[in-house]
Structure formats: C-alpha cells, structure tokens
Protein backbone atom coordinates (compact mmCIF):
# COMPACT_ATOMS: atom_id res chain seq x y z
CA MET A 1 -35.19 1.03 -23.71
CA LEU A 2 -37.03 2.88 -20.97
CA SER A 3 -37.69 6.61 -21.32
CA ASP A 4 -36.57 8.99 -18.55
CA GLU A 5 -40.18 9.81 -17.58
CA THR A 6 -41.11 6.15 -17.26
CA VAL A 7 -38.06 5.39 -15.12
CA LEU A 8 -38.68 8.40 -12.86
CA LYS A 9 -42.30 7.33 -12.26
CA LYS A 10 -41.27 3.88 -11.12
CA SER A 11 -40.84 3.16 -7.47
CA ASP A 12 -37.37 2.24 -6.27
CA GLU A 13 -38.40 -1.38 -5.87
CA ASP A 14 -39.76 -1.62 -9.43
CA PHE A 15 -36.70 0.17 -10.79
CA TRP A 16 -34.22 -2.25 -9.20
CA LYS A 17 -36.39 -5.25 -10.14
CA SER A 18 -36.39 -4.17 -13.80
CA ILE A 19 -32.59 -3.86 -13.75
CA LEU A 20 -32.30 -7.26 -12.07
CA ARG A 21 -34.52 -8.87 -14.69
CA LYS A 22 -32.56 -7.33 -17.55
CA TYR A 23 -29.09 -8.09 -16.15
CA TRP A 24 -29.87 -11.29 -14.20
CA TYR A 25 -26.62 -12.98 -15.24
CA PHE A 26 -24.59 -10.37 -13.32
CA ALA A 27 -26.68 -11.04 -10.21
CA LEU A 28 -25.87 -14.74 -10.67
CA ILE A 29 -22.13 -13.98 -10.96
CA PHE A 30 -22.19 -11.80 -7.81
CA GLY A 31 -24.12 -14.58 -6.02
CA LEU A 32 -21.43 -17.10 -6.98
CA VAL A 33 -18.72 -14.72 -5.72
CA LEU A 34 -20.59 -14.38 -2.41
CA LEU A 35 -21.03 -18.16 -2.16
CA GLY A 36 -17.32 -18.66 -2.87
CA ALA A 37 -16.43 -16.09 -0.20
CA ILE A 38 -18.62 -17.85 2.38
CA ILE A 39 -17.14 -21.27 1.57
CA GLY A 40 -13.63 -19.79 1.63
CA PHE A 41 -14.39 -18.11 4.98
CA LEU A 42 -15.41 -21.44 6.52
CA LEU A 43 -12.37 -23.24 5.07
CA VAL A 44 -9.99 -20.53 6.34
CA ILE A 45 -11.46 -20.79 9.84
CA GLN A 46 -11.20 -24.59 9.82
CA ASP A 47 -7.62 -24.49 8.53
CA TYR A 48 -6.60 -21.86 11.09
CA VAL A 49 -8.10 -23.77 14.02
CA ASN A 50 -6.29 -26.97 12.92
CA THR A 51 -2.90 -25.33 12.28
CA SER A 52 -2.58 -22.45 14.76
CA THR A 53 -0.03 -23.05 17.50
CA ILE A 54 -1.82 -20.54 19.75
CA GLY A 55 -4.75 -22.93 20.22
CA GLY A 56 -2.63 -26.09 20.17
CA GLN A 57 -3.88 -26.96 16.65
CA GLY A 58 -7.44 -26.96 17.96
CA SER A 59 -6.73 -29.10 21.02
CA TRP A 60 -7.04 -26.40 23.73
CA THR A 61 -10.20 -26.12 25.74
CA PHE A 62 -11.72 -22.69 26.31
CA ASP A 63 -10.34 -22.42 29.84
CA GLN A 64 -6.75 -22.77 28.57
CA PHE A 65 -6.93 -19.38 26.83
CA SER A 66 -5.91 -16.21 28.62
CA MET A 67 -6.89 -12.68 27.61
CA ALA A 68 -3.53 -12.42 25.80
CA THR A 69 -3.72 -15.72 23.91
CA GLY A 70 -7.44 -15.29 23.16
CA LEU A 71 -6.91 -11.82 21.69
CA GLU A 72 -3.84 -12.95 19.76
CA TRP A 73 -5.77 -15.92 18.33
CA VAL A 74 -8.63 -13.68 17.18
CA ILE A 75 -6.28 -11.05 15.66
CA PHE A 76 -4.40 -13.62 13.57
CA LEU A 77 -7.68 -15.22 12.47
CA VAL A 78 -9.07 -11.84 11.37
CA LEU A 79 -5.84 -11.02 9.50
CA ARG A 80 -5.98 -14.36 7.70
CA ILE A 81 -9.64 -13.81 6.74
CA ILE A 82 -8.86 -10.32 5.44
CA LEU A 83 -5.84 -11.54 3.43
CA PHE A 84 -7.37 -14.68 1.91
CA ILE A 85 -11.10 -13.82 1.67
CA VAL A 86 -11.96 -10.12 2.01
CA VAL A 87 -9.23 -8.63 -0.22
CA PRO A 88 -9.64 -11.11 -3.13
CA ALA A 89 -13.46 -10.84 -2.95
CA LEU A 90 -13.33 -7.02 -2.98
CA VAL A 91 -10.91 -7.02 -5.92
CA LEU A 92 -13.13 -9.41 -7.88
CA VAL A 93 -16.30 -7.44 -7.07
CA GLY A 94 -14.51 -4.20 -8.02
CA ILE A 95 -13.45 -5.63 -11.39
CA LEU A 96 -16.94 -6.98 -12.10
CA THR A 97 -18.55 -3.69 -11.07
CA GLY A 98 -16.17 -1.76 -13.32
CA ILE A 99 -16.96 -4.03 -16.28
CA ILE A 100 -20.71 -3.63 -15.71
CA TRP A 101 -20.56 0.14 -15.10
CA TYR A 102 -18.19 1.13 -17.91
CA GLY A 103 -18.86 -1.59 -20.45
CA VAL A 104 -22.47 -2.72 -20.19
CA LEU A 105 -24.88 -0.14 -18.70
CA PRO A 106 -26.20 2.64 -20.98
CA GLN A 107 -25.46 6.25 -19.98
CA GLU A 108 -29.08 7.24 -19.11
CA LEU A 109 -29.42 4.22 -16.81
CA LYS A 110 -26.16 5.15 -15.06
CA GLU A 111 -27.48 8.69 -14.50
CA GLU A 112 -30.71 7.33 -13.02
CA ILE A 113 -28.78 4.97 -10.71
CA LYS A 114 -26.63 7.91 -9.52
CA THR A 115 -29.74 10.01 -8.86
CA ARG A 116 -31.47 7.25 -6.91
CA SER A 117 -28.28 6.48 -4.96
CA ASP A 118 -27.97 10.14 -3.92
CA GLU A 119 -31.59 10.11 -2.73
CA ASP A 120 -30.94 6.91 -0.76
CA ASP A 121 -27.87 8.50 0.87
CA GLU A 122 -29.99 11.44 2.02
CA LYS A 123 -32.60 9.06 3.50
CA LYS A 124 -29.87 7.08 5.31
CA LYS A 125 -28.42 10.27 6.83
CA LEU A 126 -31.84 11.17 8.20
CA SER A 127 -32.45 7.69 9.66
CA LYS A 128 -29.01 7.19 11.17
CA GLY A 129 -28.52 6.04 14.74
CA SER A 130 -28.75 2.23 14.70
CA GLU A 131 -25.00 1.66 14.98
CA GLY A 132 -24.78 2.88 18.60
CA GLY A 133 -25.06 -0.63 20.06
CA GLY A 134 -22.05 -1.89 18.13
CA VAL A 135 -19.92 1.05 19.23
CA PHE A 136 -21.03 0.57 22.84
CA GLY A 137 -20.13 -3.14 22.73
CA PHE A 138 -16.73 -2.40 21.20
CA PHE A 139 -15.84 0.19 23.86
CA MET A 140 -17.06 -2.11 26.62
CA PHE A 141 -14.81 -4.89 25.28
CA ILE A 142 -11.82 -2.52 25.19
CA GLY A 143 -12.68 -1.35 28.72
CA VAL A 144 -12.86 -4.92 30.07
CA CYS A 145 -9.51 -5.72 28.41
CA ILE A 146 -7.95 -2.69 30.13
CA TYR A 147 -9.56 -3.64 33.45
CA VAL A 148 -8.23 -7.23 33.26
CA ALA A 149 -4.75 -6.01 32.29
CA LEU A 150 -4.61 -3.41 35.10
CA ASP A 151 -5.89 -6.00 37.55
CA GLY A 152 -2.90 -8.22 36.76
CA HIS A 153 -4.83 -11.06 35.08
CA TRP A 154 -3.82 -10.49 31.44
CA GLU A 155 -1.97 -13.83 31.22
CA THR A 156 -4.37 -15.71 33.53
CA GLU A 157 -6.26 -18.57 31.87
CA PHE A 158 -10.01 -18.10 31.70
CA GLY A 159 -10.50 -21.31 33.66
CA ASN A 160 -8.81 -19.69 36.69
CA LEU A 161 -11.18 -16.68 36.66
CA SER A 162 -14.80 -17.02 37.72
CA LEU A 163 -17.77 -15.78 35.74
CA GLY A 164 -18.41 -13.41 38.64
CA TYR A 165 -15.02 -11.80 38.00
CA PHE A 166 -15.95 -10.96 34.40
CA VAL A 167 -19.40 -9.70 35.48
CA ASP A 168 -17.76 -7.48 38.12
CA ALA A 169 -15.27 -6.24 35.49
CA TRP A 170 -18.10 -5.39 33.08
CA ILE A 171 -20.06 -3.55 35.81
CA ALA A 172 -16.96 -1.61 36.90
CA VAL A 173 -16.17 -0.55 33.31
CA PHE A 174 -19.82 0.40 32.72
CA LEU A 175 -19.93 2.51 35.91
CA TRP A 176 -16.66 4.28 35.05
CA GLY A 177 -17.99 4.97 31.55
CA LEU A 178 -21.21 6.32 33.07
CA VAL A 179 -19.26 8.59 35.43
CA ILE A 180 -17.16 9.93 32.53
CA ALA A 181 -20.29 10.47 30.39
CA ILE A 182 -22.01 12.36 33.25
CA ILE A 183 -18.94 14.57 33.82
CA VAL A 184 -18.72 15.35 30.09
CA ALA A 185 -22.47 16.08 29.97
CA VAL A 186 -22.28 18.41 33.02
CA LEU A 187 -19.27 20.26 31.56
CA GLY A 188 -21.09 20.55 28.23
CA ILE A 189 -24.20 21.97 29.91
CA LEU A 190 -22.12 24.44 31.95
CA TRP A 191 -20.25 25.54 28.82
CA PHE A 192 -23.53 25.97 26.96
CA ILE A 193 -25.03 28.05 29.84
CA ASN A 194 -21.92 30.30 30.03
CA LYS A 195 -21.90 30.76 26.27
CA ASP A 196 -25.62 31.59 26.32
CA LYS A 197 -25.09 34.25 29.01
CA GLU A 198 -22.47 36.00 26.86
C-alpha cells in the first residue's frame, strides 16, 4: 500500500494511472456500461425513427417538417433517450460507484481522491468560460423559434421557407440580442457611475 507522502509527491497523472492499474477491472466494467449505452442510444434512435408517427415512420423528407413538428419530434426523441438510456446508465454507474467507494477502496485512498478532486474543482473554477458558445447557440435557437412563431410560420413546412428566410431570422434575432445587450451594458455603466459618485 502506498504511504501518504509517496501519494502526495505523485503527479495527478501518475496517481490516476496507479489507481487504474490496480483497479483495472472496474475501468473495464465502466467501459462496457458506456459501450452498452452507446449501442442502446443508436438502437433507440433507429427504433424511434421507424415507429414515430410524427415523421411518418421515417418516410418524411426534411422539407415536410415544420417548426412545430420538428421540435415535437426532437422533444419526444430526447425524452425516449433519457428514459431508456440516460436514467438506467446513471443508476448502474451510481450503483457501481457506490460499491467501489464503500466496499473496495481503502480509507486513505478515498481521502486522497477527495483532496485531489477539491484541487481540481478549484482549478476548473479559475479556468471557466468555455461554455459561452453553447449558451449563445441555445438562446439563438430559442430566439429564432420565437421569431418564426411571431412571423406566422410556426406550422409552415421547411420546404416552403427559403434558406434566406432562416438567415434573415437569425440576423434579426442576433441584432435584437445585440441591442438588448448594449442597453443592459449602458444601464449597468450608468448605475456604476452613479453609485461611484455617491
């Protein structure tokens, strides 16, 4: 068994490699769970495409979808993936993690893992900021959905709307978002100046 001093001197990479070498069979089990989840994910998608009435059991072409049917199709697909893949995989991983944590790992190793995990959390907090693109894309999608709905084309099939329409919708949503961001920034600066004067 490794002494505390030896473990502390090791780099993070060496530390996790030594754990992986010692408990390789758990890594294999988690790998099989991941492989099963990926296979299940693909099978659920294939089954949904072939049985969903929204897409005509897979017979619709892309231009037959409207914003409403497209969004409905995606929502039901995501719900099916969560129900049949994500929840069972998380339960299985939780059970396996509990068995490893409470039944297999020695106490001093658990303490070292906690310490290193806390240090990693601190490093992640300092290097945050990479998720902005995902948030931007999500809000742009919501904005385009609102634009299409307000424009009266919510039920219109994609084939009846030109690519230029969607580009114009994206630009309009982006410009409105920019205007709102500028107004908020100006109000924030004015508030900061007034507060500073007091």
